[in-house]
């Protein structure tokens, strides 16, 4: 049985801020709700006020700007991101990760921002957005701030979001637009499943970046590696950066092993595409 809570659907950010100022920290905001309502049904989350962001028009915006890059509003679903041709053209690593997230039906509801805000170590968008230098924009009645994704997620399901703040959008700067992008994900089954471990890679202008998920409390970034770096050197750097654990889905040894396998596969794919 669900606990009693009130449902609010603001139609502007100012209205949402007023609700949060009145109700925080007992309020929970959502757009897709694919994680929040699972938590409510399980009795893990017990907000007094549930705030639905889908009535706020600007949070549905998905747009490209040559100076700022790709702006992904808080209510943009994963399937909306995948349907936008500019995603695959300019950020193929995002497109590849999005296709691996859940099922088509869930992607119709799940949002890109929500996947980051949940801050699960196995989230699909954490590692690719980290390689692209993703920026998280937070807003409240006190103002707006932008934070690098690398600083936004602080631990397992922990972020720097204040009790009265809303993540309004993600910004993907244009610096890595057009880069080679690849994403490798280990699952227990071929269908919909959480990632046991995953690795994202981008390569542009002689430089590589790798993002690793499900191998540490937060996504791990291996930044600015020269393209001609030997495979063994990249793998050694990855092993030094990760801290995998044993759990019901996998052993830490196998996670570490698959990180090396995925790095090799991604570097081979990059070489086949003649990355420069």
C-alpha atoms as a PDB file:
ATOM      1  CA  UNK A   1       0.000   0.000   0.000  1.00  0.00           C
ATOM      2  CA  UNK A   2       1.246   3.479  -0.879  1.00  0.00           C
ATOM      3  CA  UNK A   3       1.717   6.026   1.863  1.00  0.00           C
ATOM      4  CA  UNK A   4      -0.267   9.279   1.726  1.00  0.00           C
ATOM      5  CA  UNK A   5       1.322  12.129  -0.212  1.00  0.00           C
ATOM      6  CA  UNK A   6       0.154  15.178  -2.119  1.00  0.00           C
ATOM      7  CA  UNK A   7       0.699  15.515  -5.874  1.00  0.00           C
ATOM      8  CA  UNK A   8       1.637  18.884  -7.371  1.00  0.00           C
ATOM      9  CA  UNK A   9       2.089  19.732 -11.056  1.00  0.00           C
ATOM     10  CA  UNK A  10       3.544  23.234 -11.458  1.00  0.00           C
ATOM     11  CA  UNK A  11       3.377  24.960 -14.833  1.00  0.00           C
ATOM     12  CA  UNK A  12       6.423  27.185 -14.329  1.00  0.00           C
ATOM     13  CA  UNK A  13       9.786  26.989 -12.623  1.00  0.00           C
ATOM     14  CA  UNK A  14       8.817  29.800 -10.252  1.00  0.00           C
ATOM     15  CA  UNK A  15       5.798  27.796  -9.113  1.00  0.00           C
ATOM     16  CA  UNK A  16       7.974  24.714  -8.653  1.00  0.00           C
ATOM     17  CA  UNK A  17      10.449  26.727  -6.589  1.00  0.00           C
ATOM     18  CA  UNK A  18       7.654  27.982  -4.328  1.00  0.00           C
ATOM     19  CA  UNK A  19       6.443  24.430  -3.727  1.00  0.00           C
ATOM     20  CA  UNK A  20       9.943  23.249  -2.877  1.00  0.00           C
ATOM     21  CA  UNK A  21      10.623  26.216  -0.606  1.00  0.00           C
ATOM     22  CA  UNK A  22       7.448  25.331   1.304  1.00  0.00           C
ATOM     23  CA  UNK A  23       7.897  21.550   1.345  1.00  0.00           C
ATOM     24  CA  UNK A  24      11.623  20.678   1.236  1.00  0.00           C
ATOM     25  CA  UNK A  25      13.174  18.407   2.352  1.00  0.00           C
ATOM     26  CA  UNK A  26       9.969  16.336   2.363  1.00  0.00           C
ATOM     27  CA  UNK A  27       9.341  16.901  -1.352  1.00  0.00           C
ATOM     28  CA  UNK A  28      10.498  14.788  -4.289  1.00  0.00           C
ATOM     29  CA  UNK A  29      10.534  16.016  -7.884  1.00  0.00           C
ATOM     30  CA  UNK A  30      10.165  13.750 -10.900  1.00  0.00           C
ATOM     31  CA  UNK A  31       9.797  13.828 -14.667  1.00  0.00           C
ATOM     32  CA  UNK A  32       9.722  10.182 -15.781  1.00  0.00           C
ATOM     33  CA  UNK A  33       9.240   8.705 -12.328  1.00  0.00           C
ATOM     34  CA  UNK A  34      10.722   5.335 -13.280  1.00  0.00           C
ATOM     35  CA  UNK A  35      12.879   5.276 -10.143  1.00  0.00           C
ATOM     36  CA  UNK A  36      10.881   7.404  -7.710  1.00  0.00           C
ATOM     37  CA  UNK A  37       7.668   5.393  -7.884  1.00  0.00           C
ATOM     38  CA  UNK A  38       9.493   2.087  -7.630  1.00  0.00           C
ATOM     39  CA  UNK A  39      11.009   3.450  -4.422  1.00  0.00           C
ATOM     40  CA  UNK A  40       7.639   4.657  -3.146  1.00  0.00           C
ATOM     41  CA  UNK A  41       5.984   1.296  -3.792  1.00  0.00           C
ATOM     42  CA  UNK A  42       8.844  -0.458  -2.023  1.00  0.00           C
ATOM     43  CA  UNK A  43       8.576   1.871   0.954  1.00  0.00           C
ATOM     44  CA  UNK A  44      12.121   3.149   0.413  1.00  0.00           C
ATOM     45  CA  UNK A  45      11.032   6.672  -0.560  1.00  0.00           C
ATOM     46  CA  UNK A  46       8.341   8.397   1.519  1.00  0.00           C
ATOM     47  CA  UNK A  47       8.007  11.985   0.284  1.00  0.00           C
ATOM     48  CA  UNK A  48       5.204  14.099   1.712  1.00  0.00           C
ATOM     49  CA  UNK A  49       4.894  16.044  -1.563  1.00  0.00           C
ATOM     50  CA  UNK A  50       5.523  14.701  -5.078  1.00  0.00           C
ATOM     51  CA  UNK A  51       6.253  17.395  -7.674  1.00  0.00           C
ATOM     52  CA  UNK A  52       5.648  16.517 -11.343  1.00  0.00           C
ATOM     53  CA  UNK A  53       7.850  18.643 -13.624  1.00  0.00           C
ATOM     54  CA  UNK A  54       6.203  17.684 -16.925  1.00  0.00           C
ATOM     55  CA  UNK A  55       3.927  20.734 -16.913  1.00  0.00           C
ATOM     56  CA  UNK A  56       6.891  23.130 -17.265  1.00  0.00           C
ATOM     57  CA  UNK A  57       7.410  23.809 -20.997  1.00  0.00           C
ATOM     58  CA  UNK A  58      11.092  24.835 -20.936  1.00  0.00           C
ATOM     59  CA  UNK A  59      12.106  21.544 -19.322  1.00  0.00           C
ATOM     60  CA  UNK A  60      11.069  19.696 -22.508  1.00  0.00           C
ATOM     61  CA  UNK A  61      13.619  21.578 -24.633  1.00  0.00           C
ATOM     62  CA  UNK A  62      16.197  19.610 -26.606  1.00  0.00           C
ATOM     63  CA  UNK A  63      18.323  21.933 -28.711  1.00  0.00           C
ATOM     64  CA  UNK A  64      21.740  22.470 -30.276  1.00  0.00           C
ATOM     65  CA  UNK A  65      23.684  25.727 -30.101  1.00  0.00           C
ATOM     66  CA  UNK A  66      27.047  26.073 -31.856  1.00  0.00           C
ATOM     67  CA  UNK A  67      28.579  27.906 -28.891  1.00  0.00           C
ATOM     68  CA  UNK A  68      26.957  26.109 -25.952  1.00  0.00           C
ATOM     69  CA  UNK A  69      26.457  22.637 -27.401  1.00  0.00           C
ATOM     70  CA  UNK A  70      23.567  20.259 -26.776  1.00  0.00           C
ATOM     71  CA  UNK A  71      20.989  21.275 -24.160  1.00  0.00           C
ATOM     72  CA  UNK A  72      18.884  18.439 -22.723  1.00  0.00           C
ATOM     73  CA  UNK A  73      15.954  19.569 -20.576  1.00  0.00           C
ATOM     74  CA  UNK A  74      14.925  17.696 -17.448  1.00  0.00           C
ATOM     75  CA  UNK A  75      11.815  16.236 -19.119  1.00  0.00           C
ATOM     76  CA  UNK A  76      13.495  15.031 -22.326  1.00  0.00           C
ATOM     77  CA  UNK A  77      13.041  11.268 -22.515  1.00  0.00           C
ATOM     78  CA  UNK A  78      15.707   8.835 -23.639  1.00  0.00           C
ATOM     79  CA  UNK A  79      13.749   8.009 -26.797  1.00  0.00           C
ATOM     80  CA  UNK A  80      13.436  11.707 -27.645  1.00  0.00           C
ATOM     81  CA  UNK A  81      17.213  12.018 -27.411  1.00  0.00           C
ATOM     82  CA  UNK A  82      17.661   8.957 -29.628  1.00  0.00           C
ATOM     83  CA  UNK A  83      15.174  10.268 -32.199  1.00  0.00           C
ATOM     84  CA  UNK A  84      17.106  13.526 -32.610  1.00  0.00           C
ATOM     85  CA  UNK A  85      19.492  13.044 -35.550  1.00  0.00           C
ATOM     86  CA  UNK A  86      22.050  15.443 -34.102  1.00  0.00           C
ATOM     87  CA  UNK A  87      22.620  13.060 -31.190  1.00  0.00           C
ATOM     88  CA  UNK A  88      24.003  10.262 -33.346  1.00  0.00           C
ATOM     89  CA  UNK A  89      25.761  12.647 -35.744  1.00  0.00           C
ATOM     90  CA  UNK A  90      27.632  14.692 -33.136  1.00  0.00           C
ATOM     91  CA  UNK A  91      27.648  12.511 -30.017  1.00  0.00           C
ATOM     92  CA  UNK A  92      27.451   8.858 -31.128  1.00  0.00           C
ATOM     93  CA  UNK A  93      28.589   7.705 -27.684  1.00  0.00           C
ATOM     94  CA  UNK A  94      25.375   9.143 -26.196  1.00  0.00           C
ATOM     95  CA  UNK A  95      23.279   7.427 -28.844  1.00  0.00           C
ATOM     96  CA  UNK A  96      24.992   4.091 -28.230  1.00  0.00           C
ATOM     97  CA  UNK A  97      24.480   4.339 -24.466  1.00  0.00           C
ATOM     98  CA  UNK A  98      20.847   5.366 -24.836  1.00  0.00           C
ATOM     99  CA  UNK A  99      20.074   2.323 -26.974  1.00  0.00           C
ATOM    100  CA  UNK A 100      21.379   0.107 -24.170  1.00  0.00           C
ATOM    101  CA  UNK A 101      19.174   1.686 -21.510  1.00  0.00           C
ATOM    102  CA  UNK A 102      16.212  -0.439 -20.437  1.00  0.00           C
ATOM    103  CA  UNK A 103      13.453  -1.284 -22.942  1.00  0.00           C
ATOM    104  CA  UNK A 104      11.788   0.825 -25.628  1.00  0.00           C
ATOM    105  CA  UNK A 105       8.731   1.245 -23.402  1.00  0.00           C
ATOM    106  CA  UNK A 106      10.778   2.438 -20.432  1.00  0.00           C
ATOM    107  CA  UNK A 107      12.818   4.770 -22.648  1.00  0.00           C
ATOM    108  CA  UNK A 108       9.540   6.440 -23.612  1.00  0.00           C
ATOM    109  CA  UNK A 109       9.189   7.505 -19.985  1.00  0.00           C
ATOM    110  CA  UNK A 110      12.688   7.562 -18.491  1.00  0.00           C
ATOM    111  CA  UNK A 111      14.534  10.858 -18.839  1.00  0.00           C
ATOM    112  CA  UNK A 112      18.195  11.501 -19.544  1.00  0.00           C
ATOM    113  CA  UNK A 113      18.453  13.884 -16.594  1.00  0.00           C
ATOM    114  CA  UNK A 114      16.731  11.377 -14.321  1.00  0.00           C
ATOM    115  CA  UNK A 115      19.324   8.736 -15.179  1.00  0.00           C
ATOM    116  CA  UNK A 116      22.017  11.117 -13.920  1.00  0.00           C
ATOM    117  CA  UNK A 117      20.118  12.412 -10.878  1.00  0.00           C
ATOM    118  CA  UNK A 118      19.466   8.855  -9.668  1.00  0.00           C
ATOM    119  CA  UNK A 119      23.273   8.558  -9.421  1.00  0.00           C
ATOM    120  CA  UNK A 120      23.296   4.782  -9.633  1.00  0.00           C
ATOM    121  CA  UNK A 121      26.795   3.393 -10.236  1.00  0.00           C
ATOM    122  CA  UNK A 122      25.366   1.370 -13.137  1.00  0.00           C
ATOM    123  CA  UNK A 123      23.537   4.257 -14.824  1.00  0.00           C
ATOM    124  CA  UNK A 124      24.033   4.228 -18.595  1.00  0.00           C
ATOM    125  CA  UNK A 125      24.542   7.943 -19.222  1.00  0.00           C
ATOM    126  CA  UNK A 126      27.070   8.689 -16.472  1.00  0.00           C
ATOM    127  CA  UNK A 127      30.188   7.409 -18.217  1.00  0.00           C
ATOM    128  CA  UNK A 128      29.507   8.799 -21.729  1.00  0.00           C
ATOM    129  CA  UNK A 129      28.506  12.213 -20.399  1.00  0.00           C
ATOM    130  CA  UNK A 130      31.654  12.252 -18.291  1.00  0.00           C
ATOM    131  CA  UNK A 131      33.819  11.674 -21.374  1.00  0.00           C
ATOM    132  CA  UNK A 132      32.035  14.547 -23.139  1.00  0.00           C
ATOM    133  CA  UNK A 133      32.530  17.019 -20.282  1.00  0.00           C
ATOM    134  CA  UNK A 134      28.829  17.144 -19.421  1.00  0.00           C
ATOM    135  CA  UNK A 135      27.546  19.991 -17.260  1.00  0.00           C
ATOM    136  CA  UNK A 136      24.579  19.851 -14.877  1.00  0.00           C
ATOM    137  CA  UNK A 137      22.441  22.974 -14.426  1.00  0.00           C
ATOM    138  CA  UNK A 138      20.639  23.358 -11.095  1.00  0.00           C
ATOM    139  CA  UNK A 139      18.111  26.050 -10.231  1.00  0.00           C
ATOM    140  CA  UNK A 140      16.157  27.239  -7.207  1.00  0.00           C
ATOM    141  CA  UNK A 141      14.529  30.426  -5.962  1.00  0.00           C
ATOM    142  CA  UNK A 142      18.046  31.547  -4.982  1.00  0.00           C
ATOM    143  CA  UNK A 143      19.372  31.352  -8.548  1.00  0.00           C
ATOM    144  CA  UNK A 144      21.025  29.067 -11.078  1.00  0.00           C
ATOM    145  CA  UNK A 145      24.376  27.307 -11.036  1.00  0.00           C
ATOM    146  CA  UNK A 146      26.230  24.991 -13.393  1.00  0.00           C
ATOM    147  CA  UNK A 147      28.373  22.132 -12.120  1.00  0.00           C
ATOM    148  CA  UNK A 148      30.578  19.681 -14.050  1.00  0.00           C
ATOM    149  CA  UNK A 149      29.131  16.187 -13.981  1.00  0.00           C
ATOM    150  CA  UNK A 150      32.401  15.011 -12.439  1.00  0.00           C
ATOM    151  CA  UNK A 151      31.519  17.057  -9.328  1.00  0.00           C
ATOM    152  CA  UNK A 152      27.761  16.441  -9.356  1.00  0.00           C
ATOM    153  CA  UNK A 153      27.687  12.752  -8.381  1.00  0.00           C
ATOM    154  CA  UNK A 154      29.422  12.297  -5.031  1.00  0.00           C
ATOM    155  CA  UNK A 155      28.649   8.669  -4.167  1.00  0.00           C
ATOM    156  CA  UNK A 156      26.209   5.808  -4.612  1.00  0.00           C
ATOM    157  CA  UNK A 157      22.857   7.540  -5.232  1.00  0.00           C
ATOM    158  CA  UNK A 158      24.309  10.753  -3.784  1.00  0.00           C
ATOM    159  CA  UNK A 159      24.561  14.136  -5.507  1.00  0.00           C
ATOM    160  CA  UNK A 160      25.113  17.771  -4.588  1.00  0.00           C
ATOM    161  CA  UNK A 161      21.458  18.724  -5.237  1.00  0.00           C
ATOM    162  CA  UNK A 162      20.181  20.984  -2.467  1.00  0.00           C
ATOM    163  CA  UNK A 163      16.763  20.275  -0.878  1.00  0.00           C
ATOM    164  CA  UNK A 164      15.107  23.143  -2.798  1.00  0.00           C
ATOM    165  CA  UNK A 165      16.976  22.699  -6.086  1.00  0.00           C
ATOM    166  CA  UNK A 166      15.866  21.233  -9.404  1.00  0.00           C
ATOM    167  CA  UNK A 167      18.159  19.941 -12.129  1.00  0.00           C
ATOM    168  CA  UNK A 168      16.735  21.860 -15.072  1.00  0.00           C
ATOM    169  CA  UNK A 169      18.969  20.536 -17.847  1.00  0.00           C
ATOM    170  CA  UNK A 170      22.192  18.899 -18.951  1.00  0.00           C
ATOM    171  CA  UNK A 171      24.604  20.700 -21.251  1.00  0.00           C
ATOM    172  CA  UNK A 172      26.985  18.776 -23.492  1.00  0.00           C
ATOM    173  CA  UNK A 173      29.653  21.255 -24.685  1.00  0.00           C
ATOM    174  CA  UNK A 174      30.576  21.215 -28.390  1.00  0.00           C
ATOM    175  CA  UNK A 175      34.257  20.418 -27.725  1.00  0.00           C
ATOM    176  CA  UNK A 176      33.846  16.695 -28.476  1.00  0.00           C
ATOM    177  CA  UNK A 177      31.151  17.018 -31.138  1.00  0.00           C
ATOM    178  CA  UNK A 178      31.885  14.707 -34.049  1.00  0.00           C
ATOM    179  CA  UNK A 179      34.245  12.534 -32.015  1.00  0.00           C
ATOM    180  CA  UNK A 180      34.402   8.787 -32.481  1.00  0.00           C
ATOM    181  CA  UNK A 181      32.201   7.307 -29.800  1.00  0.00           C
ATOM    182  CA  UNK A 182      31.674   3.784 -28.553  1.00  0.00           C
ATOM    183  CA  UNK A 183      29.934   2.127 -25.626  1.00  0.00           C
ATOM    184  CA  UNK A 184      30.339  -1.388 -24.273  1.00  0.00           C
ATOM    185  CA  UNK A 185      28.043  -2.827 -21.593  1.00  0.00           C
ATOM    186  CA  UNK A 186      28.079  -6.192 -19.852  1.00  0.00           C
ATOM    187  CA  UNK A 187      24.664  -7.557 -18.866  1.00  0.00           C
ATOM    188  CA  UNK A 188      23.568 -10.874 -17.394  1.00  0.00           C
ATOM    189  CA  UNK A 189      21.076 -11.390 -20.240  1.00  0.00           C
ATOM    190  CA  UNK A 190      20.722 -10.172 -23.822  1.00  0.00           C
ATOM    191  CA  UNK A 191      17.549  -8.231 -23.041  1.00  0.00           C
ATOM    192  CA  UNK A 192      16.830  -5.419 -20.592  1.00  0.00           C
ATOM    193  CA  UNK A 193      19.180  -5.529 -17.614  1.00  0.00           C
ATOM    194  CA  UNK A 194      21.265  -3.247 -15.462  1.00  0.00           C
ATOM    195  CA  UNK A 195      24.896  -2.935 -16.443  1.00  0.00           C
ATOM    196  CA  UNK A 196      27.309  -5.229 -14.628  1.00  0.00           C
ATOM    197  CA  UNK A 197      30.068  -2.967 -15.925  1.00  0.00           C
ATOM    198  CA  UNK A 198      30.268  -0.546 -18.853  1.00  0.00           C
ATOM    199  CA  UNK A 199      32.889   1.522 -20.643  1.00  0.00           C
ATOM    200  CA  UNK A 200      32.396   4.560 -22.886  1.00  0.00           C
ATOM    201  CA  UNK A 201      35.053   6.008 -25.181  1.00  0.00           C
ATOM    202  CA  UNK A 202      35.466   9.126 -27.300  1.00  0.00           C
ATOM    203  CA  UNK A 203      38.395  10.024 -29.551  1.00  0.00           C
ATOM    204  CA  UNK A 204      39.089  13.294 -31.338  1.00  0.00           C
ATOM    205  CA  UNK A 205      42.187  15.075 -32.646  1.00  0.00           C
ATOM    206  CA  UNK A 206      44.618  12.472 -31.398  1.00  0.00           C
ATOM    207  CA  UNK A 207      43.172  12.258 -27.890  1.00  0.00           C
ATOM    208  CA  UNK A 208      41.084   9.568 -26.188  1.00  0.00           C
ATOM    209  CA  UNK A 209      38.832   9.619 -23.149  1.00  0.00           C
ATOM    210  CA  UNK A 210      37.249   6.693 -21.342  1.00  0.00           C
ATOM    211  CA  UNK A 211      34.372   6.627 -18.869  1.00  0.00           C
ATOM    212  CA  UNK A 212      33.786   3.561 -16.697  1.00  0.00           C
ATOM    213  CA  UNK A 213      30.596   2.717 -14.781  1.00  0.00           C
ATOM    214  CA  UNK A 214      29.728  -0.017 -12.265  1.00  0.00           C
ATOM    215  CA  UNK A 215      33.370  -0.264 -11.234  1.00  0.00           C
ATOM    216  CA  UNK A 216      33.433   2.390  -8.487  1.00  0.00           C
ATOM    217  CA  UNK A 217      30.912   4.353  -6.384  1.00  0.00           C
ATOM    218  CA  UNK A 218      30.830   7.036  -9.098  1.00  0.00           C
ATOM    219  CA  UNK A 219      31.648   6.989 -12.822  1.00  0.00           C
ATOM    220  CA  UNK A 220      35.402   7.037 -13.466  1.00  0.00           C
ATOM    221  CA  UNK A 221      37.024   9.254 -16.110  1.00  0.00           C
ATOM    222  CA  UNK A 222      40.315   8.525 -17.842  1.00  0.00           C
ATOM    223  CA  UNK A 223      40.959  11.861 -19.511  1.00  0.00           C
ATOM    224  CA  UNK A 224      43.149  13.111 -22.324  1.00  0.00           C
ATOM    225  CA  UNK A 225      45.080   9.995 -23.293  1.00  0.00           C
ATOM    226  CA  UNK A 226      47.158  10.299 -26.492  1.00  0.00           C
ATOM    227  CA  UNK A 227      45.725   8.135 -29.243  1.00  0.00           C
ATOM    228  CA  UNK A 228      49.025   6.303 -29.753  1.00  0.00           C
ATOM    229  CA  UNK A 229      49.177   5.168 -26.109  1.00  0.00           C
ATOM    230  CA  UNK A 230      49.726   1.388 -25.934  1.00  0.00           C
ATOM    231  CA  UNK A 231      46.685  -0.677 -24.997  1.00  0.00           C
ATOM    232  CA  UNK A 232      48.432  -2.125 -21.942  1.00  0.00           C
ATOM    233  CA  UNK A 233      49.173   1.364 -20.621  1.00  0.00           C
ATOM    234  CA  UNK A 234      45.535   2.427 -20.939  1.00  0.00           C
ATOM    235  CA  UNK A 235      44.379  -0.768 -19.264  1.00  0.00           C
ATOM    236  CA  UNK A 236      46.829  -0.289 -16.392  1.00  0.00           C
ATOM    237  CA  UNK A 237      45.602   3.258 -15.878  1.00  0.00           C
ATOM    238  CA  UNK A 238      42.014   2.011 -15.784  1.00  0.00           C
ATOM    239  CA  UNK A 239      42.802  -0.694 -13.239  1.00  0.00           C
ATOM    240  CA  UNK A 240      44.478   1.872 -10.989  1.00  0.00           C
ATOM    241  CA  UNK A 241      41.414   4.138 -11.153  1.00  0.00           C
ATOM    242  CA  UNK A 242      38.584   1.672 -10.507  1.00  0.00           C
ATOM    243  CA  UNK A 243      37.465   0.019  -7.260  1.00  0.00           C
ATOM    244  CA  UNK A 244      34.980  -2.717  -8.228  1.00  0.00           C
ATOM    245  CA  UNK A 245      33.039  -4.729  -5.652  1.00  0.00           C
ATOM    246  CA  UNK A 246      31.517  -8.176  -5.330  1.00  0.00           C
ATOM    247  CA  UNK A 247      27.716  -8.213  -5.435  1.00  0.00           C
ATOM    248  CA  UNK A 248      24.832 -10.451  -6.487  1.00  0.00           C
ATOM    249  CA  UNK A 249      25.452  -9.687 -10.160  1.00  0.00           C
ATOM    250  CA  UNK A 250      29.211 -10.106 -10.483  1.00  0.00           C
ATOM    251  CA  UNK A 251      32.573 -10.501  -8.773  1.00  0.00           C
ATOM    252  CA  UNK A 252      35.027  -7.632  -8.579  1.00  0.00           C
ATOM    253  CA  UNK A 253      37.642  -9.698 -10.429  1.00  0.00           C
ATOM    254  CA  UNK A 254      35.332 -10.249 -13.405  1.00  0.00           C
ATOM    255  CA  UNK A 255      34.361  -6.578 -13.483  1.00  0.00           C
ATOM    256  CA  UNK A 256      38.031  -5.590 -13.609  1.00  0.00           C
ATOM    257  CA  UNK A 257      38.671  -8.198 -16.314  1.00  0.00           C
ATOM    258  CA  UNK A 258      35.814  -6.912 -18.480  1.00  0.00           C
ATOM    259  CA  UNK A 259      36.996  -3.311 -18.173  1.00  0.00           C
ATOM    260  CA  UNK A 260      40.203  -4.387 -19.912  1.00  0.00           C
ATOM    261  CA  UNK A 261      38.255  -6.324 -22.556  1.00  0.00           C
ATOM    262  CA  UNK A 262      35.978  -3.366 -23.303  1.00  0.00           C
ATOM    263  CA  UNK A 263      38.900  -0.939 -23.550  1.00  0.00           C
ATOM    264  CA  UNK A 264      40.553  -3.251 -26.072  1.00  0.00           C
ATOM    265  CA  UNK A 265      37.363  -3.582 -28.129  1.00  0.00           C
ATOM    266  CA  UNK A 266      36.792   0.170 -28.171  1.00  0.00           C
ATOM    267  CA  UNK A 267      40.383   0.963 -29.166  1.00  0.00           C
ATOM    268  CA  UNK A 268      40.180  -1.632 -31.937  1.00  0.00           C
ATOM    269  CA  UNK A 269      36.916  -0.109 -33.193  1.00  0.00           C
ATOM    270  CA  UNK A 270      38.517   3.325 -33.124  1.00  0.00           C
ATOM    271  CA  UNK A 271      41.491   2.074 -35.138  1.00  0.00           C
ATOM    272  CA  UNK A 272      39.158   0.476 -37.686  1.00  0.00           C
ATOM    273  CA  UNK A 273      37.463   3.839 -38.183  1.00  0.00           C
ATOM    274  CA  UNK A 274      40.896   5.453 -38.589  1.00  0.00           C
ATOM    275  CA  UNK A 275      40.427   7.789 -35.640  1.00  0.00           C
ATOM    276  CA  UNK A 276      42.641  10.841 -35.844  1.00  0.00           C
END
